């Protein structure tokens, strides 16, 4: 068991390293994408700044809390882009039969798919997300004593982000189409809904984003815990949600692979 884990970890590391070398072979593309992402984040923060120039809060959230909300989401997305961006290609690999080749390798198939690409925008998102989180943290006056809690919440946020998107991508095993339609839809919902505090939405929307498609655990719940809006006892819930989603993702992926019928699936 230990040997299998070491071999899988080593394979994953080599795959990611190979993808990193691949994207740095085209520096113009890399820096162009990075610049576009930085501009996008600047526009997003500028919009929030303009809003707060005219209102004092949004659903009881101030400017710095909003920066933390966006920062957590951008940072979680950045790490998944670095280590799992290939999952977006699973639909095309199912239709083309490329999974046949991956199945002949002595490594988990979905791990190979996830590690088959790195998002060029990841570095820019990592930088801008960190800046937003630090500025928001400082402005909100959160004690440095909460840093360990923030690290735990961030790791859970990454797992939640990764597993939800992976499950939505795995729907392609049943849809039999060339694109990950549900994953794209889920990403758009997350981007447009959770950039704002969930308490401004109707109860049905809040409960859906917390307990049904729990994107709230990527940013909304962590920021509420760190700012004291939720008691510290809530620190126990994100790890449980992350673990449950991980287990469910494994089951969905295995069920999908059992349905796989090679090219023309």
Protein backbone atom coordinates (compact mmCIF):
# COMPACT_ATOMS: atom_id res chain seq x y z
CA UNK A 1 0.00 0.00 0.00
CA UNK A 2 2.74 2.43 0.98
CA UNK A 3 4.70 1.53 -2.15
CA UNK A 4 1.62 2.20 -4.31
CA UNK A 5 1.13 5.62 -2.73
CA UNK A 6 4.79 6.52 -3.29
CA UNK A 7 4.65 5.36 -6.91
CA UNK A 8 1.44 7.29 -7.59
CA UNK A 9 2.83 10.43 -5.94
CA UNK A 10 6.05 10.13 -7.95
CA UNK A 11 4.13 9.66 -11.19
CA UNK A 12 1.90 12.64 -10.45
CA UNK A 13 4.91 14.84 -9.66
CA UNK A 14 6.63 13.88 -12.91
CA UNK A 15 3.48 14.56 -14.93
CA UNK A 16 3.04 18.01 -13.40
CA UNK A 17 6.74 18.80 -13.91
CA UNK A 18 6.42 17.82 -17.58
CA UNK A 19 3.40 20.07 -18.00
CA UNK A 20 5.24 22.95 -16.36
CA UNK A 21 8.13 22.53 -18.79
CA UNK A 22 5.64 22.45 -21.65
CA UNK A 23 3.93 25.74 -20.79
CA UNK A 24 7.24 27.53 -20.19
CA UNK A 25 8.35 26.51 -23.70
CA UNK A 26 6.01 29.24 -24.96
CA UNK A 27 6.83 32.26 -22.75
CA UNK A 28 4.86 34.74 -24.88
CA UNK A 29 1.65 32.73 -24.42
CA UNK A 30 2.35 32.29 -20.72
CA UNK A 31 2.92 35.99 -20.02
CA UNK A 32 0.04 37.07 -22.24
CA UNK A 33 -2.37 34.83 -20.35
CA UNK A 34 -0.94 36.00 -17.02
CA UNK A 35 -1.36 39.66 -18.01
CA UNK A 36 -4.97 39.05 -19.08
CA UNK A 37 -5.78 37.38 -15.76
CA UNK A 38 -4.15 40.20 -13.76
CA UNK A 39 -6.19 42.78 -15.69
CA UNK A 40 -9.34 40.73 -15.10
CA UNK A 41 -8.70 40.63 -11.35
CA UNK A 42 -7.93 44.36 -11.26
CA UNK A 43 -11.22 45.08 -13.02
CA UNK A 44 -13.07 42.84 -10.55
CA UNK A 45 -11.53 44.54 -7.50
CA UNK A 46 -12.08 47.98 -9.06
CA UNK A 47 -15.76 47.16 -9.50
CA UNK A 48 -16.03 46.19 -5.83
CA UNK A 49 -14.18 49.39 -4.85
CA UNK A 50 -16.60 51.52 -6.89
CA UNK A 51 -19.55 49.77 -5.23
CA UNK A 52 -18.14 50.45 -1.76
CA UNK A 53 -17.53 54.07 -2.66
CA UNK A 54 -21.30 54.38 -2.76
CA UNK A 55 -22.44 51.90 -0.10
CA UNK A 56 -20.99 51.02 3.30
CA UNK A 57 -21.64 47.27 3.11
CA UNK A 58 -23.16 44.46 1.06
CA UNK A 59 -25.28 42.16 3.16
CA UNK A 60 -23.33 43.32 6.21
CA UNK A 61 -19.95 42.65 4.56
CA UNK A 62 -17.37 45.44 4.27
CA UNK A 63 -14.79 46.02 1.53
CA UNK A 64 -12.01 44.03 3.20
CA UNK A 65 -14.24 41.05 3.92
CA UNK A 66 -15.25 41.10 0.25
CA UNK A 67 -11.58 41.07 -0.74
CA UNK A 68 -11.09 37.97 1.40
CA UNK A 69 -14.16 36.36 -0.16
CA UNK A 70 -12.79 36.84 -3.68
CA UNK A 71 -9.22 36.06 -2.62
CA UNK A 72 -10.14 32.66 -1.18
CA UNK A 73 -11.98 31.71 -4.37
CA UNK A 74 -9.17 32.87 -6.66
CA UNK A 75 -6.51 31.08 -4.58
CA UNK A 76 -8.43 27.81 -4.48
CA UNK A 77 -8.95 28.02 -8.22
CA UNK A 78 -5.23 28.74 -8.74
CA UNK A 79 -4.08 25.59 -6.97
CA UNK A 80 -6.51 23.41 -8.91
CA UNK A 81 -5.28 25.04 -12.13
CA UNK A 82 -1.73 24.13 -11.17
CA UNK A 83 -2.34 20.54 -10.16
CA UNK A 84 -5.59 19.36 -11.77
CA UNK A 85 -6.43 21.46 -14.83
CA UNK A 86 -6.39 18.45 -17.15
CA UNK A 87 -9.73 17.29 -15.75
CA UNK A 88 -11.43 19.72 -18.15
CA UNK A 89 -10.26 17.49 -21.02
CA UNK A 90 -11.93 14.32 -19.79
CA UNK A 91 -14.92 14.59 -22.14
CA UNK A 92 -12.77 14.82 -25.28
CA UNK A 93 -10.60 11.94 -24.07
CA UNK A 94 -13.69 9.80 -23.51
CA UNK A 95 -15.08 10.50 -26.98
CA UNK A 96 -11.72 10.10 -28.75
CA UNK A 97 -10.83 6.91 -26.91
CA UNK A 98 -7.66 8.46 -25.49
CA UNK A 99 -8.48 6.86 -22.15
CA UNK A 100 -7.50 3.51 -23.70
CA UNK A 101 -3.89 4.62 -23.65
CA UNK A 102 -4.11 5.92 -20.07
CA UNK A 103 -5.62 2.64 -18.87
CA UNK A 104 -2.53 0.73 -19.99
CA UNK A 105 -0.34 2.70 -17.59
CA UNK A 106 0.23 1.52 -13.99
CA UNK A 107 -1.26 4.70 -12.50
CA UNK A 108 -4.80 5.87 -11.63
CA UNK A 109 -6.56 6.96 -14.82
CA UNK A 110 -8.23 10.07 -13.41
CA UNK A 111 -4.98 11.17 -11.80
CA UNK A 112 -3.33 11.02 -15.23
CA UNK A 113 -6.15 13.06 -16.74
CA UNK A 114 -6.06 15.67 -13.98
CA UNK A 115 -2.28 16.08 -14.21
CA UNK A 116 -2.28 16.30 -18.01
CA UNK A 117 -2.43 20.11 -18.09
CA UNK A 118 -1.55 23.22 -16.09
CA UNK A 119 -3.56 26.40 -16.54
CA UNK A 120 -1.31 29.21 -17.79
CA UNK A 121 -3.35 31.64 -15.70
CA UNK A 122 -2.51 29.83 -12.46
CA UNK A 123 0.54 31.92 -11.56
CA UNK A 124 -1.32 35.20 -11.99
CA UNK A 125 -4.29 33.92 -9.99
CA UNK A 126 -1.96 32.75 -7.23
CA UNK A 127 -0.36 36.19 -7.02
CA UNK A 128 -3.50 38.31 -7.22
CA UNK A 129 -5.45 36.00 -4.91
CA UNK A 130 -2.70 36.17 -2.28
CA UNK A 131 -2.60 39.98 -2.46
CA UNK A 132 -6.38 40.23 -2.09
CA UNK A 133 -6.38 37.85 0.86
CA UNK A 134 -3.51 39.63 2.66
CA UNK A 135 -4.99 43.10 2.11
CA UNK A 136 -8.44 41.91 3.17
CA UNK A 137 -7.05 40.08 6.21
CA UNK A 138 -5.09 43.13 7.36
CA UNK A 139 -7.92 45.56 6.72
CA UNK A 140 -10.44 43.36 8.54
CA UNK A 141 -8.13 43.29 11.59
CA UNK A 142 -7.95 39.51 11.88
CA UNK A 143 -5.41 38.24 14.40
CA UNK A 144 -2.33 36.34 13.12
CA UNK A 145 -3.36 33.62 15.59
CA UNK A 146 -5.98 32.60 13.01
CA UNK A 147 -3.36 31.75 10.36
CA UNK A 148 -3.35 27.98 11.16
CA UNK A 149 -7.14 27.97 10.87
CA UNK A 150 -6.88 29.84 7.56
CA UNK A 151 -4.43 27.26 6.21
CA UNK A 152 -6.77 24.41 7.18
CA UNK A 153 -9.75 26.19 5.60
CA UNK A 154 -7.76 26.89 2.44
CA UNK A 155 -6.73 23.26 2.04
CA UNK A 156 -10.34 22.19 2.51
CA UNK A 157 -11.41 24.85 -0.01
CA UNK A 158 -9.02 23.41 -2.61
CA UNK A 159 -10.36 19.89 -2.06
CA UNK A 160 -13.96 21.11 -2.32
CA UNK A 161 -13.20 23.06 -5.51
CA UNK A 162 -11.32 20.17 -7.08
CA UNK A 163 -13.84 17.47 -6.21
CA UNK A 164 -16.96 19.34 -7.29
CA UNK A 165 -15.46 20.25 -10.66
CA UNK A 166 -14.15 16.69 -11.08
CA UNK A 167 -17.58 15.18 -10.42
CA UNK A 168 -19.22 17.58 -12.85
CA UNK A 169 -16.58 16.68 -15.47
CA UNK A 170 -17.17 12.97 -14.85
CA UNK A 171 -20.79 13.46 -15.91
CA UNK A 172 -19.33 13.17 -19.43
CA UNK A 173 -19.18 9.39 -18.95
CA UNK A 174 -22.98 9.43 -19.07
CA UNK A 175 -23.62 12.42 -21.37
CA UNK A 176 -21.29 11.08 -24.10
CA UNK A 177 -20.53 14.57 -25.43
CA UNK A 178 -17.22 16.26 -26.38
CA UNK A 179 -17.45 19.03 -23.76
CA UNK A 180 -17.83 19.10 -19.97
CA UNK A 181 -21.10 21.04 -20.06
CA UNK A 182 -22.03 20.63 -16.40
CA UNK A 183 -18.54 21.58 -15.23
CA UNK A 184 -18.57 24.79 -17.26
CA UNK A 185 -22.03 25.59 -15.91
CA UNK A 186 -20.89 24.90 -12.35
CA UNK A 187 -17.83 27.13 -12.76
CA UNK A 188 -20.00 29.97 -14.08
CA UNK A 189 -22.45 29.63 -11.20
CA UNK A 190 -19.59 29.69 -8.70
CA UNK A 191 -17.92 32.69 -10.35
CA UNK A 192 -21.09 34.77 -10.50
CA UNK A 193 -22.81 33.74 -7.26
CA UNK A 194 -20.10 33.20 -4.65
CA UNK A 195 -18.17 36.36 -5.42
CA UNK A 196 -20.84 38.03 -3.24
CA UNK A 197 -21.93 37.08 0.31
CA UNK A 198 -24.53 34.32 0.16
CA UNK A 199 -26.69 36.04 2.76
CA UNK A 200 -27.87 38.50 0.07
CA UNK A 201 -29.58 35.64 -1.77
CA UNK A 202 -32.86 33.83 -1.00
CA UNK A 203 -32.70 30.95 1.46
CA UNK A 204 -33.06 28.35 -1.31
CA UNK A 205 -29.95 29.66 -3.09
CA UNK A 206 -27.96 29.79 0.17
CA UNK A 207 -28.85 26.25 1.15
CA UNK A 208 -28.09 24.97 -2.35
CA UNK A 209 -24.63 26.54 -2.37
CA UNK A 210 -23.87 25.32 1.17
CA UNK A 211 -25.30 21.81 1.30
CA UNK A 212 -26.18 20.66 -2.25
CA UNK A 213 -23.40 22.04 -4.47
CA UNK A 214 -21.22 23.25 -1.59
CA UNK A 215 -19.15 25.93 -3.32
CA UNK A 216 -19.78 28.00 -0.17
CA UNK A 217 -17.01 26.01 1.54
CA UNK A 218 -14.51 27.43 -0.96
CA UNK A 219 -14.82 31.02 0.27
CA UNK A 220 -18.05 32.06 2.04
CA UNK A 221 -17.85 29.68 5.01
CA UNK A 222 -14.06 30.11 5.54
CA UNK A 223 -14.32 33.92 5.59
CA UNK A 224 -17.28 33.79 7.97
CA UNK A 225 -15.28 31.61 10.36
CA UNK A 226 -12.19 33.83 10.19
CA UNK A 227 -14.16 37.05 10.71
CA UNK A 228 -16.08 35.62 13.66
CA UNK A 229 -19.47 35.50 11.96
CA UNK A 230 -19.48 31.76 12.61
CA UNK A 231 -18.15 30.17 15.83
CA UNK A 232 -14.78 28.38 15.76
CA UNK A 233 -16.63 25.10 16.28
CA UNK A 234 -17.42 25.36 12.56
CA UNK A 235 -13.77 24.56 11.87
CA UNK A 236 -14.71 20.89 12.16
CA UNK A 237 -17.23 21.04 9.30
CA UNK A 238 -15.09 21.96 6.23
CA UNK A 239 -12.76 18.93 6.69
CA UNK A 240 -15.80 16.64 6.94
CA UNK A 241 -17.34 18.18 3.81
CA UNK A 242 -14.02 17.90 1.95
CA UNK A 243 -13.59 14.25 2.97
CA UNK A 244 -17.17 13.38 1.99
CA UNK A 245 -16.79 15.06 -1.40
CA UNK A 246 -13.48 13.29 -2.02
CA UNK A 247 -15.04 9.90 -1.31
CA UNK A 248 -18.05 10.70 -3.49
CA UNK A 249 -15.79 11.85 -6.32
CA UNK A 250 -13.86 8.56 -6.22
CA UNK A 251 -17.13 6.61 -6.44
CA UNK A 252 -18.41 8.74 -9.34
CA UNK A 253 -15.12 8.42 -11.25
CA UNK A 254 -14.99 4.65 -10.76
CA UNK A 255 -18.61 4.27 -11.87
CA UNK A 256 -17.88 6.39 -14.94
CA UNK A 257 -14.81 4.37 -15.87
CA UNK A 258 -16.85 1.16 -15.67
CA UNK A 259 -19.19 2.64 -18.29
CA UNK A 260 -16.34 3.61 -20.60
CA UNK A 261 -16.47 1.75 -23.93
CA UNK A 262 -13.46 3.16 -25.80
CA UNK A 263 -13.67 5.35 -28.93
CA UNK A 264 -17.19 6.18 -29.96
CA UNK A 265 -18.38 5.96 -26.33
